[in-house]
């Protein structure tokens, strides 16, 4: 079984998080998609690795094809869009992981401290 992961927000935090996930080479994990509006290094990395770039709505619409969506935008409106999209679509499969979960994952995979760009964004 491969855990299907999507990353929303490929700026300073999300781009480095994507890079770290790719470098980890963990078996049983696939980065199936990402979402980024800007022209960032993280977006270019996703494109170079053939990771599809989609809107938040399209990620949510994938339903059970995505197991975990990491929200690394630090933007309340994106959190709201994810919440509403999940509720409206009836998607009860996908887990939306906030930045604190990305930081936990980061800490388990590397000794590098994650950047603290957005502060405490809650969820």
PDB file of N, CA and C in Angstrom:
ATOM      1  N   UNK A   1       0.838  -1.178   0.000  1.00  0.00           N
ATOM      2  CA  UNK A   1       0.000   0.000   0.000  1.00  0.00           C
ATOM      3  C   UNK A   1       0.884   1.243   0.000  1.00  0.00           C
ATOM      4  N   UNK A   2       0.604   2.161  -0.891  1.00  0.00           N
ATOM      5  CA  UNK A   2       1.339   3.412  -0.966  1.00  0.00           C
ATOM      6  C   UNK A   2       0.452   4.541  -0.451  1.00  0.00           C
ATOM      7  N   UNK A   3       0.975   5.327   0.471  1.00  0.00           N
ATOM      8  CA  UNK A   3       0.244   6.481   0.988  1.00  0.00           C
ATOM      9  C   UNK A   3       0.383   7.607  -0.022  1.00  0.00           C
ATOM     10  N   UNK A   4      -0.739   8.111  -0.500  1.00  0.00           N
ATOM     11  CA  UNK A   4      -0.773   9.165  -1.508  1.00  0.00           C
ATOM     12  C   UNK A   4      -0.813  10.521  -0.813  1.00  0.00           C
ATOM     13  N   UNK A   5       0.215  11.330  -1.069  1.00  0.00           N
ATOM     14  CA  UNK A   5       0.379  12.612  -0.385  1.00  0.00           C
ATOM     15  C   UNK A   5       0.291  13.763  -1.378  1.00  0.00           C
ATOM     16  N   UNK A   6      -0.413  14.829  -0.971  1.00  0.00           N
ATOM     17  CA  UNK A   6      -0.441  16.077  -1.733  1.00  0.00           C
ATOM     18  C   UNK A   6       0.067  17.192  -0.821  1.00  0.00           C
ATOM     19  N   UNK A   7       0.768  18.152  -1.406  1.00  0.00           N
ATOM     20  CA  UNK A   7       1.295  19.288  -0.649  1.00  0.00           C
ATOM     21  C   UNK A   7       0.696  20.566  -1.228  1.00  0.00           C
ATOM     22  N   UNK A   8       0.050  21.344  -0.373  1.00  0.00           N
ATOM     23  CA  UNK A   8      -0.526  22.626  -0.779  1.00  0.00           C
ATOM     24  C   UNK A   8       0.366  23.724  -0.221  1.00  0.00           C
ATOM     25  N   UNK A   9       0.881  24.555  -1.106  1.00  0.00           N
ATOM     26  CA  UNK A   9       1.783  25.633  -0.722  1.00  0.00           C
ATOM     27  C   UNK A   9       3.224  25.196  -0.871  1.00  0.00           C
ATOM     28  N   UNK A  10       3.876  25.663  -1.915  1.00  0.00           N
ATOM     29  CA  UNK A  10       5.262  25.277  -2.189  1.00  0.00           C
ATOM     30  C   UNK A  10       6.197  26.476  -2.103  1.00  0.00           C
ATOM     31  N   UNK A  11       5.948  27.324  -1.118  1.00  0.00           N
ATOM     32  CA  UNK A  11       6.829  28.464  -0.868  1.00  0.00           C
ATOM     33  C   UNK A  11       8.047  28.026  -0.074  1.00  0.00           C
ATOM     34  N   UNK A  12       8.519  28.900   0.812  1.00  0.00           N
ATOM     35  CA  UNK A  12       9.740  28.586   1.583  1.00  0.00           C
ATOM     36  C   UNK A  12       9.595  27.324   2.424  1.00  0.00           C
ATOM     37  N   UNK A  13       8.478  27.177   3.100  1.00  0.00           N
ATOM     38  CA  UNK A  13       8.264  26.005   3.950  1.00  0.00           C
ATOM     39  C   UNK A  13       7.859  24.796   3.111  1.00  0.00           C
ATOM     40  N   UNK A  14       6.815  24.948   2.320  1.00  0.00           N
ATOM     41  CA  UNK A  14       6.296  23.828   1.537  1.00  0.00           C
ATOM     42  C   UNK A  14       7.269  23.306   0.500  1.00  0.00           C
ATOM     43  N   UNK A  15       8.023  24.220  -0.119  1.00  0.00           N
ATOM     44  CA  UNK A  15       9.012  23.789  -1.107  1.00  0.00           C
ATOM     45  C   UNK A  15      10.107  22.951  -0.472  1.00  0.00           C
ATOM     46  N   UNK A  16      10.577  23.389   0.688  1.00  0.00           N
ATOM     47  CA  UNK A  16      11.608  22.618   1.400  1.00  0.00           C
ATOM     48  C   UNK A  16      11.040  21.303   1.922  1.00  0.00           C
ATOM     49  N   UNK A  17       9.778  21.330   2.365  1.00  0.00           N
ATOM     50  CA  UNK A  17       9.119  20.111   2.834  1.00  0.00           C
ATOM     51  C   UNK A  17       9.015  19.101   1.690  1.00  0.00           C
ATOM     52  N   UNK A  18       8.611  19.564   0.514  1.00  0.00           N
ATOM     53  CA  UNK A  18       8.539  18.686  -0.653  1.00  0.00           C
ATOM     54  C   UNK A  18       9.907  18.100  -0.960  1.00  0.00           C
ATOM     55  N   UNK A  19      10.921  18.942  -0.959  1.00  0.00           N
ATOM     56  CA  UNK A  19      12.284  18.484  -1.225  1.00  0.00           C
ATOM     57  C   UNK A  19      12.700  17.411  -0.212  1.00  0.00           C
ATOM     58  N   UNK A  20      12.400  17.647   1.064  1.00  0.00           N
ATOM     59  CA  UNK A  20      12.752  16.694   2.110  1.00  0.00           C
ATOM     60  C   UNK A  20      12.029  15.364   1.915  1.00  0.00           C
ATOM     61  N   UNK A  21      10.746  15.415   1.567  1.00  0.00           N
ATOM     62  CA  UNK A  21      10.005  14.176   1.320  1.00  0.00           C
ATOM     63  C   UNK A  21      10.605  13.405   0.151  1.00  0.00           C
ATOM     64  N   UNK A  22      10.956  14.122  -0.903  1.00  0.00           N
ATOM     65  CA  UNK A  22      11.552  13.463  -2.071  1.00  0.00           C
ATOM     66  C   UNK A  22      12.904  12.850  -1.728  1.00  0.00           C
ATOM     67  N   UNK A  23      13.700  13.554  -0.935  1.00  0.00           N
ATOM     68  CA  UNK A  23      15.029  13.061  -0.553  1.00  0.00           C
ATOM     69  C   UNK A  23      14.954  11.873   0.398  1.00  0.00           C
ATOM     70  N   UNK A  24      13.875  11.777   1.164  1.00  0.00           N
ATOM     71  CA  UNK A  24      13.777  10.719   2.175  1.00  0.00           C
ATOM     72  C   UNK A  24      13.732   9.331   1.550  1.00  0.00           C
ATOM     73  N   UNK A  25      13.176   9.244   0.345  1.00  0.00           N
ATOM     74  CA  UNK A  25      13.088   7.951  -0.320  1.00  0.00           C
ATOM     75  C   UNK A  25      12.295   6.918   0.456  1.00  0.00           C
ATOM     76  N   UNK A  26      11.362   7.366   1.271  1.00  0.00           N
ATOM     77  CA  UNK A  26      10.578   6.436   2.079  1.00  0.00           C
ATOM     78  C   UNK A  26       9.725   5.533   1.195  1.00  0.00           C
ATOM     79  N   UNK A  27       9.827   4.227   1.408  1.00  0.00           N
ATOM     80  CA  UNK A  27       8.970   3.322   0.642  1.00  0.00           C
ATOM     81  C   UNK A  27       7.523   3.460   1.117  1.00  0.00           C
ATOM     82  N   UNK A  28       6.606   3.212   0.228  1.00  0.00           N
ATOM     83  CA  UNK A  28       5.199   3.261   0.598  1.00  0.00           C
ATOM     84  C   UNK A  28       4.615   4.648   0.643  1.00  0.00           C
ATOM     85  N   UNK A  29       5.317   5.626   0.071  1.00  0.00           N
ATOM     86  CA  UNK A  29       4.833   7.000   0.052  1.00  0.00           C
ATOM     87  C   UNK A  29       4.985   7.553  -1.361  1.00  0.00           C
ATOM     88  N   UNK A  30       3.906   8.118  -1.881  1.00  0.00           N
ATOM     89  CA  UNK A  30       3.941   8.732  -3.200  1.00  0.00           C
ATOM     90  C   UNK A  30       3.407  10.151  -3.102  1.00  0.00           C
ATOM     91  N   UNK A  31       4.135  11.094  -3.667  1.00  0.00           N
ATOM     92  CA  UNK A  31       3.625  12.465  -3.748  1.00  0.00           C
ATOM     93  C   UNK A  31       2.838  12.530  -5.048  1.00  0.00           C
ATOM     94  N   UNK A  32       1.520  12.522  -4.909  1.00  0.00           N
ATOM     95  CA  UNK A  32       0.648  12.383  -6.073  1.00  0.00           C
ATOM     96  C   UNK A  32       0.277  13.718  -6.703  1.00  0.00           C
ATOM     97  N   UNK A  33       0.397  14.812  -5.960  1.00  0.00           N
ATOM     98  CA  UNK A  33       0.023  16.122  -6.500  1.00  0.00           C
ATOM     99  C   UNK A  33       0.481  17.222  -5.554  1.00  0.00           C
ATOM    100  N   UNK A  34       0.446  18.444  -6.071  1.00  0.00           N
ATOM    101  CA  UNK A  34       0.778  19.622  -5.272  1.00  0.00           C
ATOM    102  C   UNK A  34      -0.040  20.794  -5.795  1.00  0.00           C
ATOM    103  N   UNK A  35      -0.070  21.856  -5.008  1.00  0.00           N
ATOM    104  CA  UNK A  35      -0.780  23.063  -5.403  1.00  0.00           C
ATOM    105  C   UNK A  35       0.050  24.276  -5.012  1.00  0.00           C
ATOM    106  N   UNK A  36       0.291  25.146  -5.975  1.00  0.00           N
ATOM    107  CA  UNK A  36       1.037  26.387  -5.731  1.00  0.00           C
ATOM    108  C   UNK A  36       0.663  27.388  -6.804  1.00  0.00           C
ATOM    109  N   UNK A  37       0.235  28.580  -6.387  1.00  0.00           N
ATOM    110  CA  UNK A  37      -0.166  29.622  -7.329  1.00  0.00           C
ATOM    111  C   UNK A  37       1.024  30.406  -7.875  1.00  0.00           C
ATOM    112  N   UNK A  38       2.047  30.593  -7.053  1.00  0.00           N
ATOM    113  CA  UNK A  38       3.184  31.419  -7.450  1.00  0.00           C
ATOM    114  C   UNK A  38       4.260  30.648  -8.185  1.00  0.00           C
ATOM    115  N   UNK A  39       5.203  31.411  -8.724  1.00  0.00           N
ATOM    116  CA  UNK A  39       6.374  30.815  -9.387  1.00  0.00           C
ATOM    117  C   UNK A  39       7.473  30.680  -8.342  1.00  0.00           C
ATOM    118  N   UNK A  40       7.492  29.570  -7.639  1.00  0.00           N
ATOM    119  CA  UNK A  40       8.442  29.351  -6.551  1.00  0.00           C
ATOM    120  C   UNK A  40       9.416  28.235  -6.907  1.00  0.00           C
ATOM    121  N   UNK A  41      10.474  28.148  -6.124  1.00  0.00           N
ATOM    122  CA  UNK A  41      11.421  27.036  -6.295  1.00  0.00           C
ATOM    123  C   UNK A  41      10.710  25.702  -6.079  1.00  0.00           C
ATOM    124  N   UNK A  42       9.818  25.658  -5.103  1.00  0.00           N
ATOM    125  CA  UNK A  42       9.067  24.433  -4.835  1.00  0.00           C
ATOM    126  C   UNK A  42       8.207  24.018  -6.009  1.00  0.00           C
ATOM    127  N   UNK A  43       7.575  24.993  -6.658  1.00  0.00           N
ATOM    128  CA  UNK A  43       6.763  24.689  -7.841  1.00  0.00           C
ATOM    129  C   UNK A  43       7.648  24.142  -8.953  1.00  0.00           C
ATOM    130  N   UNK A  44       8.805  24.774  -9.154  1.00  0.00           N
ATOM    131  CA  UNK A  44       9.724  24.296 -10.198  1.00  0.00           C
ATOM    132  C   UNK A  44      10.217  22.884  -9.892  1.00  0.00           C
ATOM    133  N   UNK A  45      10.456  22.592  -8.611  1.00  0.00           N
ATOM    134  CA  UNK A  45      10.871  21.245  -8.218  1.00  0.00           C
ATOM    135  C   UNK A  45       9.766  20.238  -8.539  1.00  0.00           C
ATOM    136  N   UNK A  46       8.538  20.567  -8.179  1.00  0.00           N
ATOM    137  CA  UNK A  46       7.412  19.672  -8.472  1.00  0.00           C
ATOM    138  C   UNK A  46       7.305  19.420  -9.973  1.00  0.00           C
ATOM    139  N   UNK A  47       7.402  20.485 -10.756  1.00  0.00           N
ATOM    140  CA  UNK A  47       7.337  20.335 -12.211  1.00  0.00           C
ATOM    141  C   UNK A  47       8.467  19.455 -12.721  1.00  0.00           C
ATOM    142  N   UNK A  48       9.679  19.672 -12.219  1.00  0.00           N
ATOM    143  CA  UNK A  48      10.842  18.891 -12.656  1.00  0.00           C
ATOM    144  C   UNK A  48      10.692  17.415 -12.307  1.00  0.00           C
ATOM    145  N   UNK A  49      10.008  17.119 -11.202  1.00  0.00           N
ATOM    146  CA  UNK A  49       9.817  15.727 -10.765  1.00  0.00           C
ATOM    147  C   UNK A  49       8.548  15.107 -11.344  1.00  0.00           C
ATOM    148  N   UNK A  50       7.829  15.865 -12.174  1.00  0.00           N
ATOM    149  CA  UNK A  50       6.617  15.328 -12.795  1.00  0.00           C
ATOM    150  C   UNK A  50       5.432  15.209 -11.851  1.00  0.00           C
ATOM    151  N   UNK A  51       5.450  15.990 -10.780  1.00  0.00           N
ATOM    152  CA  UNK A  51       4.337  15.979  -9.829  1.00  0.00           C
ATOM    153  C   UNK A  51       3.257  16.913 -10.362  1.00  0.00           C
ATOM    154  N   UNK A  52       2.040  16.409 -10.570  1.00  0.00           N
ATOM    155  CA  UNK A  52       0.975  17.262 -11.106  1.00  0.00           C
ATOM    156  C   UNK A  52       0.671  18.435 -10.178  1.00  0.00           C
ATOM    157  N   UNK A  53       0.502  19.612 -10.764  1.00  0.00           N
ATOM    158  CA  UNK A  53       0.105  20.811 -10.021  1.00  0.00           C
ATOM    159  C   UNK A  53      -1.373  21.056 -10.285  1.00  0.00           C
ATOM    160  N   UNK A  54      -2.142  21.155  -9.211  1.00  0.00           N
ATOM    161  CA  UNK A  54      -3.589  21.267  -9.323  1.00  0.00           C
ATOM    162  C   UNK A  54      -4.105  22.338  -8.369  1.00  0.00           C
ATOM    163  N   UNK A  55      -5.340  22.737  -8.581  1.00  0.00           N
ATOM    164  CA  UNK A  55      -5.982  23.657  -7.646  1.00  0.00           C
ATOM    165  C   UNK A  55      -6.353  22.897  -6.375  1.00  0.00           C
ATOM    166  N   UNK A  56      -6.607  23.640  -5.320  1.00  0.00           N
ATOM    167  CA  UNK A  56      -7.050  23.023  -4.067  1.00  0.00           C
ATOM    168  C   UNK A  56      -8.346  22.255  -4.307  1.00  0.00           C
ATOM    169  N   UNK A  57      -9.260  22.844  -5.066  1.00  0.00           N
ATOM    170  CA  UNK A  57     -10.535  22.176  -5.354  1.00  0.00           C
ATOM    171  C   UNK A  57     -10.315  20.846  -6.072  1.00  0.00           C
ATOM    172  N   UNK A  58      -9.381  20.817  -7.013  1.00  0.00           N
ATOM    173  CA  UNK A  58      -9.105  19.570  -7.736  1.00  0.00           C
ATOM    174  C   UNK A  58      -8.480  18.516  -6.825  1.00  0.00           C
ATOM    175  N   UNK A  59      -7.634  18.943  -5.890  1.00  0.00           N
ATOM    176  CA  UNK A  59      -7.058  17.989  -4.934  1.00  0.00           C
ATOM    177  C   UNK A  59      -8.152  17.358  -4.082  1.00  0.00           C
ATOM    178  N   UNK A  60      -9.053  18.179  -3.575  1.00  0.00           N
ATOM    179  CA  UNK A  60     -10.153  17.679  -2.752  1.00  0.00           C
ATOM    180  C   UNK A  60     -11.038  16.745  -3.568  1.00  0.00           C
ATOM    181  N   UNK A  61     -11.269  17.098  -4.834  1.00  0.00           N
ATOM    182  CA  UNK A  61     -12.134  16.290  -5.695  1.00  0.00           C
ATOM    183  C   UNK A  61     -11.552  14.914  -5.995  1.00  0.00           C
ATOM    184  N   UNK A  62     -10.269  14.722  -5.786  1.00  0.00           N
ATOM    185  CA  UNK A  62      -9.662  13.405  -6.002  1.00  0.00           C
ATOM    186  C   UNK A  62     -10.196  12.358  -5.026  1.00  0.00           C
ATOM    187  N   UNK A  63     -10.809  12.802  -3.944  1.00  0.00           N
ATOM    188  CA  UNK A  63     -11.395  11.870  -2.983  1.00  0.00           C
ATOM    189  C   UNK A  63     -10.381  10.906  -2.424  1.00  0.00           C
ATOM    190  N   UNK A  64     -10.695   9.614  -2.480  1.00  0.00           N
ATOM    191  CA  UNK A  64      -9.833   8.614  -1.848  1.00  0.00           C
ATOM    192  C   UNK A  64      -8.553   8.317  -2.627  1.00  0.00           C
ATOM    193  N   UNK A  65      -8.298   9.078  -3.686  1.00  0.00           N
ATOM    194  CA  UNK A  65      -7.019   8.954  -4.396  1.00  0.00           C
ATOM    195  C   UNK A  65      -5.911   9.733  -3.679  1.00  0.00           C
ATOM    196  N   UNK A  66      -6.289  10.539  -2.686  1.00  0.00           N
ATOM    197  CA  UNK A  66      -5.321  11.279  -1.864  1.00  0.00           C
ATOM    198  C   UNK A  66      -5.573  10.899  -0.410  1.00  0.00           C
ATOM    199  N   UNK A  67      -4.540  10.401   0.257  1.00  0.00           N
ATOM    200  CA  UNK A  67      -4.682  10.018   1.660  1.00  0.00           C
ATOM    201  C   UNK A  67      -4.446  11.194   2.599  1.00  0.00           C
ATOM    202  N   UNK A  68      -3.420  12.007   2.306  1.00  0.00           N
ATOM    203  CA  UNK A  68      -3.060  13.124   3.180  1.00  0.00           C
ATOM    204  C   UNK A  68      -2.773  14.361   2.336  1.00  0.00           C
ATOM    205  N   UNK A  69      -3.375  15.481   2.717  1.00  0.00           N
ATOM    206  CA  UNK A  69      -3.047  16.780   2.127  1.00  0.00           C
ATOM    207  C   UNK A  69      -2.351  17.594   3.209  1.00  0.00           C
ATOM    208  N   UNK A  70      -1.084  17.956   2.966  1.00  0.00           N
ATOM    209  CA  UNK A  70      -0.360  18.840   3.877  1.00  0.00           C
ATOM    210  C   UNK A  70      -0.621  20.276   3.446  1.00  0.00           C
ATOM    211  N   UNK A  71      -1.240  21.076   4.325  1.00  0.00           N
ATOM    212  CA  UNK A  71      -1.477  22.496   4.058  1.00  0.00           C
ATOM    213  C   UNK A  71      -0.323  23.290   4.649  1.00  0.00           C
ATOM    214  N   UNK A  72       0.541  23.802   3.781  1.00  0.00           N
ATOM    215  CA  UNK A  72       1.717  24.555   4.218  1.00  0.00           C
ATOM    216  C   UNK A  72       1.682  25.990   3.713  1.00  0.00           C
ATOM    217  N   UNK A  73       0.489  26.505   3.485  1.00  0.00           N
ATOM    218  CA  UNK A  73       0.355  27.860   2.959  1.00  0.00           C
ATOM    219  C   UNK A  73       0.444  28.925   4.044  1.00  0.00           C
ATOM    220  N   UNK A  74      -0.004  28.604   5.252  1.00  0.00           N
ATOM    221  CA  UNK A  74      -0.078  29.617   6.301  1.00  0.00           C
ATOM    222  C   UNK A  74      -1.188  30.620   6.055  1.00  0.00           C
ATOM    223  N   UNK A  75      -2.096  30.307   5.135  1.00  0.00           N
ATOM    224  CA  UNK A  75      -3.162  31.234   4.763  1.00  0.00           C
ATOM    225  C   UNK A  75      -4.518  30.726   5.255  1.00  0.00           C
ATOM    226  N   UNK A  76      -5.178  31.486   6.132  1.00  0.00           N
ATOM    227  CA  UNK A  76      -6.480  31.057   6.657  1.00  0.00           C
ATOM    228  C   UNK A  76      -7.514  30.773   5.569  1.00  0.00           C
ATOM    229  N   UNK A  77      -7.481  31.537   4.472  1.00  0.00           N
ATOM    230  CA  UNK A  77      -8.481  31.313   3.419  1.00  0.00           C
ATOM    231  C   UNK A  77      -8.277  29.967   2.729  1.00  0.00           C
ATOM    232  N   UNK A  78      -7.043  29.495   2.648  1.00  0.00           N
ATOM    233  CA  UNK A  78      -6.787  28.176   2.056  1.00  0.00           C
ATOM    234  C   UNK A  78      -7.272  27.094   3.016  1.00  0.00           C
ATOM    235  N   UNK A  79      -7.014  27.263   4.308  1.00  0.00           N
ATOM    236  CA  UNK A  79      -7.535  26.313   5.301  1.00  0.00           C
ATOM    237  C   UNK A  79      -9.050  26.220   5.190  1.00  0.00           C
ATOM    238  N   UNK A  80      -9.697  27.374   5.064  1.00  0.00           N
ATOM    239  CA  UNK A  80     -11.156  27.404   4.946  1.00  0.00           C
ATOM    240  C   UNK A  80     -11.607  26.701   3.669  1.00  0.00           C
ATOM    241  N   UNK A  81     -10.916  26.961   2.565  1.00  0.00           N
ATOM    242  CA  UNK A  81     -11.262  26.311   1.295  1.00  0.00           C
ATOM    243  C   UNK A  81     -11.127  24.789   1.408  1.00  0.00           C
ATOM    244  N   UNK A  82     -10.074  24.333   2.066  1.00  0.00           N
ATOM    245  CA  UNK A  82      -9.891  22.891   2.268  1.00  0.00           C
ATOM    246  C   UNK A  82     -11.015  22.318   3.131  1.00  0.00           C
ATOM    247  N   UNK A  83     -11.303  22.969   4.241  1.00  0.00           N
ATOM    248  CA  UNK A  83     -12.367  22.487   5.134  1.00  0.00           C
ATOM    249  C   UNK A  83     -13.706  22.402   4.417  1.00  0.00           C
ATOM    250  N   UNK A  84     -14.076  23.504   3.761  1.00  0.00           N
ATOM    251  CA  UNK A  84     -15.366  23.537   3.072  1.00  0.00           C
ATOM    252  C   UNK A  84     -15.405  22.535   1.930  1.00  0.00           C
ATOM    253  N   UNK A  85     -14.311  22.436   1.197  1.00  0.00           N
ATOM    254  CA  UNK A  85     -14.259  21.485   0.090  1.00  0.00           C
ATOM    255  C   UNK A  85     -14.422  20.055   0.558  1.00  0.00           C
ATOM    256  N   UNK A  86     -13.755  19.713   1.650  1.00  0.00           N
ATOM    257  CA  UNK A  86     -13.870  18.358   2.193  1.00  0.00           C
ATOM    258  C   UNK A  86     -15.305  18.088   2.644  1.00  0.00           C
ATOM    259  N   UNK A  87     -15.896  19.046   3.324  1.00  0.00           N
ATOM    260  CA  UNK A  87     -17.261  18.868   3.814  1.00  0.00           C
ATOM    261  C   UNK A  87     -18.252  18.777   2.656  1.00  0.00           C
ATOM    262  N   UNK A  88     -18.149  19.682   1.695  1.00  0.00           N
ATOM    263  CA  UNK A  88     -19.096  19.714   0.582  1.00  0.00           C
ATOM    264  C   UNK A  88     -18.970  18.510  -0.342  1.00  0.00           C
ATOM    265  N   UNK A  89     -17.768  17.963  -0.458  1.00  0.00           N
ATOM    266  CA  UNK A  89     -17.563  16.822  -1.357  1.00  0.00           C
ATOM    267  C   UNK A  89     -17.931  15.496  -0.702  1.00  0.00           C
ATOM    268  N   UNK A  90     -18.098  15.514   0.614  1.00  0.00           N
ATOM    269  CA  UNK A  90     -18.372  14.262   1.317  1.00  0.00           C
ATOM    270  C   UNK A  90     -17.137  13.380   1.430  1.00  0.00           C
ATOM    271  N   UNK A  91     -15.963  13.960   1.180  1.00  0.00           N
ATOM    272  CA  UNK A  91     -14.708  13.209   1.259  1.00  0.00           C
ATOM    273  C   UNK A  91     -14.406  12.917   2.726  1.00  0.00           C
ATOM    274  N   UNK A  92     -14.582  11.683   3.112  1.00  0.00           N
ATOM    275  CA  UNK A  92     -14.316  11.268   4.492  1.00  0.00           C
ATOM    276  C   UNK A  92     -13.026  10.457   4.578  1.00  0.00           C
ATOM    277  N   UNK A  93     -12.316  10.365   3.469  1.00  0.00           N
ATOM    278  CA  UNK A  93     -11.095   9.558   3.413  1.00  0.00           C
ATOM    279  C   UNK A  93      -9.842  10.398   3.674  1.00  0.00           C
ATOM    280  N   UNK A  94      -9.729  11.506   2.971  1.00  0.00           N
ATOM    281  CA  UNK A  94      -8.512  12.313   3.002  1.00  0.00           C
ATOM    282  C   UNK A  94      -8.357  13.049   4.329  1.00  0.00           C
ATOM    283  N   UNK A  95      -7.139  13.035   4.850  1.00  0.00           N
ATOM    284  CA  UNK A  95      -6.810  13.771   6.070  1.00  0.00           C
ATOM    285  C   UNK A  95      -6.091  15.051   5.661  1.00  0.00           C
ATOM    286  N   UNK A  96      -6.538  16.188   6.178  1.00  0.00           N
ATOM    287  CA  UNK A  96      -5.854  17.451   5.939  1.00  0.00           C
ATOM    288  C   UNK A  96      -4.931  17.697   7.128  1.00  0.00           C
ATOM    289  N   UNK A  97      -3.631  17.721   6.844  1.00  0.00           N
ATOM    290  CA  UNK A  97      -2.624  17.887   7.894  1.00  0.00           C
ATOM    291  C   UNK A  97      -2.127  19.330   7.906  1.00  0.00           C
ATOM    292  N   UNK A  98      -2.270  20.015   9.037  1.00  0.00           N
ATOM    293  CA  UNK A  98      -1.785  21.389   9.135  1.00  0.00           C
ATOM    294  C   UNK A  98      -0.269  21.424   9.296  1.00  0.00           C
ATOM    295  N   UNK A  99       0.269  22.625   9.348  1.00  0.00           N
ATOM    296  CA  UNK A  99       1.722  22.799   9.428  1.00  0.00           C
ATOM    297  C   UNK A  99       2.348  22.095  10.618  1.00  0.00           C
ATOM    298  N   UNK A 100       1.659  22.029  11.734  1.00  0.00           N
ATOM    299  CA  UNK A 100       2.239  21.373  12.902  1.00  0.00           C
ATOM    300  C   UNK A 100       2.530  19.897  12.603  1.00  0.00           C
ATOM    301  N   UNK A 101       1.701  19.253  11.805  1.00  0.00           N
ATOM    302  CA  UNK A 101       1.945  17.853  11.433  1.00  0.00           C
ATOM    303  C   UNK A 101       3.108  17.750  10.453  1.00  0.00           C
ATOM    304  N   UNK A 102       3.239  18.739   9.585  1.00  0.00           N
ATOM    305  CA  UNK A 102       4.400  18.758   8.686  1.00  0.00           C
ATOM    306  C   UNK A 102       5.676  18.922   9.502  1.00  0.00           C
ATOM    307  N   UNK A 103       5.633  19.763  10.525  1.00  0.00           N
ATOM    308  CA  UNK A 103       6.807  19.957  11.386  1.00  0.00           C
ATOM    309  C   UNK A 103       7.151  18.670  12.128  1.00  0.00           C
ATOM    310  N   UNK A 104       6.136  17.954  12.595  1.00  0.00           N
ATOM    311  CA  UNK A 104       6.374  16.677  13.262  1.00  0.00           C
ATOM    312  C   UNK A 104       7.005  15.683  12.292  1.00  0.00           C
ATOM    313  N   UNK A 105       6.452  15.584  11.101  1.00  0.00           N
ATOM    314  CA  UNK A 105       6.999  14.691  10.074  1.00  0.00           C
ATOM    315  C   UNK A 105       8.434  15.075   9.769  1.00  0.00           C
ATOM    316  N   UNK A 106       8.667  16.359   9.604  1.00  0.00           N
ATOM    317  CA  UNK A 106       9.993  16.903   9.320  1.00  0.00           C
ATOM    318  C   UNK A 106      10.986  16.458  10.390  1.00  0.00           C
ATOM    319  N   UNK A 107      10.584  16.623  11.659  1.00  0.00           N
ATOM    320  CA  UNK A 107      11.461  16.275  12.781  1.00  0.00           C
ATOM    321  C   UNK A 107      11.783  14.788  12.826  1.00  0.00           C
ATOM    322  N   UNK A 108      10.864  13.965  12.378  1.00  0.00           N
ATOM    323  CA  UNK A 108      11.092  12.522  12.394  1.00  0.00           C
ATOM    324  C   UNK A 108      12.003  12.077  11.257  1.00  0.00           C
ATOM    325  N   UNK A 109      12.079  12.865  10.193  1.00  0.00           N
ATOM    326  CA  UNK A 109      12.851  12.464   9.019  1.00  0.00           C
ATOM    327  C   UNK A 109      14.233  13.089   8.933  1.00  0.00           C
ATOM    328  N   UNK A 110      14.449  14.185   9.646  1.00  0.00           N
ATOM    329  CA  UNK A 110      15.717  14.890   9.506  1.00  0.00           C
ATOM    330  C   UNK A 110      16.065  15.605  10.806  1.00  0.00           C
ATOM    331  N   UNK A 111      17.302  15.947  10.958  1.00  0.00           N
ATOM    332  CA  UNK A 111      17.719  16.727  12.132  1.00  0.00           C
ATOM    333  C   UNK A 111      17.635  18.230  11.848  1.00  0.00           C
ATOM    334  N   UNK A 112      17.311  18.585  10.651  1.00  0.00           N
ATOM    335  CA  UNK A 112      17.181  19.991  10.255  1.00  0.00           C
ATOM    336  C   UNK A 112      15.913  20.587  10.860  1.00  0.00           C
ATOM    337  N   UNK A 113      16.033  21.756  11.446  1.00  0.00           N
ATOM    338  CA  UNK A 113      14.859  22.434  12.002  1.00  0.00           C
ATOM    339  C   UNK A 113      14.022  23.016  10.870  1.00  0.00           C
ATOM    340  N   UNK A 114      12.714  22.820  10.914  1.00  0.00           N
ATOM    341  CA  UNK A 114      11.869  23.404   9.874  1.00  0.00           C
ATOM    342  C   UNK A 114      11.836  24.915  10.007  1.00  0.00           C
ATOM    343  N   UNK A 115      11.722  25.635   8.896  1.00  0.00           N
ATOM    344  CA  UNK A 115      11.631  27.093   8.983  1.00  0.00           C
ATOM    345  C   UNK A 115      10.341  27.497   9.688  1.00  0.00           C
ATOM    346  N   UNK A 116      10.418  28.511  10.506  1.00  0.00           N
ATOM    347  CA  UNK A 116       9.242  29.008  11.221  1.00  0.00           C
ATOM    348  C   UNK A 116       8.816  30.316  10.568  1.00  0.00           C
ATOM    349  N   UNK A 117       8.232  30.193   9.401  1.00  0.00           N
ATOM    350  CA  UNK A 117       7.873  31.366   8.610  1.00  0.00           C
ATOM    351  C   UNK A 117       6.503  31.903   8.997  1.00  0.00           C
ATOM    352  N   UNK A 118       5.547  31.008   9.205  1.00  0.00           N
ATOM    353  CA  UNK A 118       4.171  31.428   9.425  1.00  0.00           C
ATOM    354  C   UNK A 118       3.790  31.547  10.889  1.00  0.00           C
ATOM    355  N   UNK A 119       4.656  31.144  11.804  1.00  0.00           N
ATOM    356  CA  UNK A 119       4.287  31.147  13.214  1.00  0.00           C
ATOM    357  C   UNK A 119       3.253  30.070  13.480  1.00  0.00           C
ATOM    358  N   UNK A 120       2.475  30.237  14.514  1.00  0.00           N
ATOM    359  CA  UNK A 120       1.439  29.266  14.858  1.00  0.00           C
ATOM    360  C   UNK A 120       0.175  29.593  14.084  1.00  0.00           C
ATOM    361  N   UNK A 121      -0.158  28.727  13.132  1.00  0.00           N
ATOM    362  CA  UNK A 121      -1.333  28.990  12.298  1.00  0.00           C
ATOM    363  C   UNK A 121      -2.563  28.247  12.777  1.00  0.00           C
ATOM    364  N   UNK A 122      -2.391  27.307  13.711  1.00  0.00           N
ATOM    365  CA  UNK A 122      -3.536  26.561  14.214  1.00  0.00           C
ATOM    366  C   UNK A 122      -4.227  25.771  13.122  1.00  0.00           C
ATOM    367  N   UNK A 123      -5.387  25.288  13.406  1.00  0.00           N
ATOM    368  CA  UNK A 123      -6.226  24.636  12.392  1.00  0.00           C
ATOM    369  C   UNK A 123      -7.575  24.520  12.923  1.00  0.00           C
TER     370      UNK A 123
END
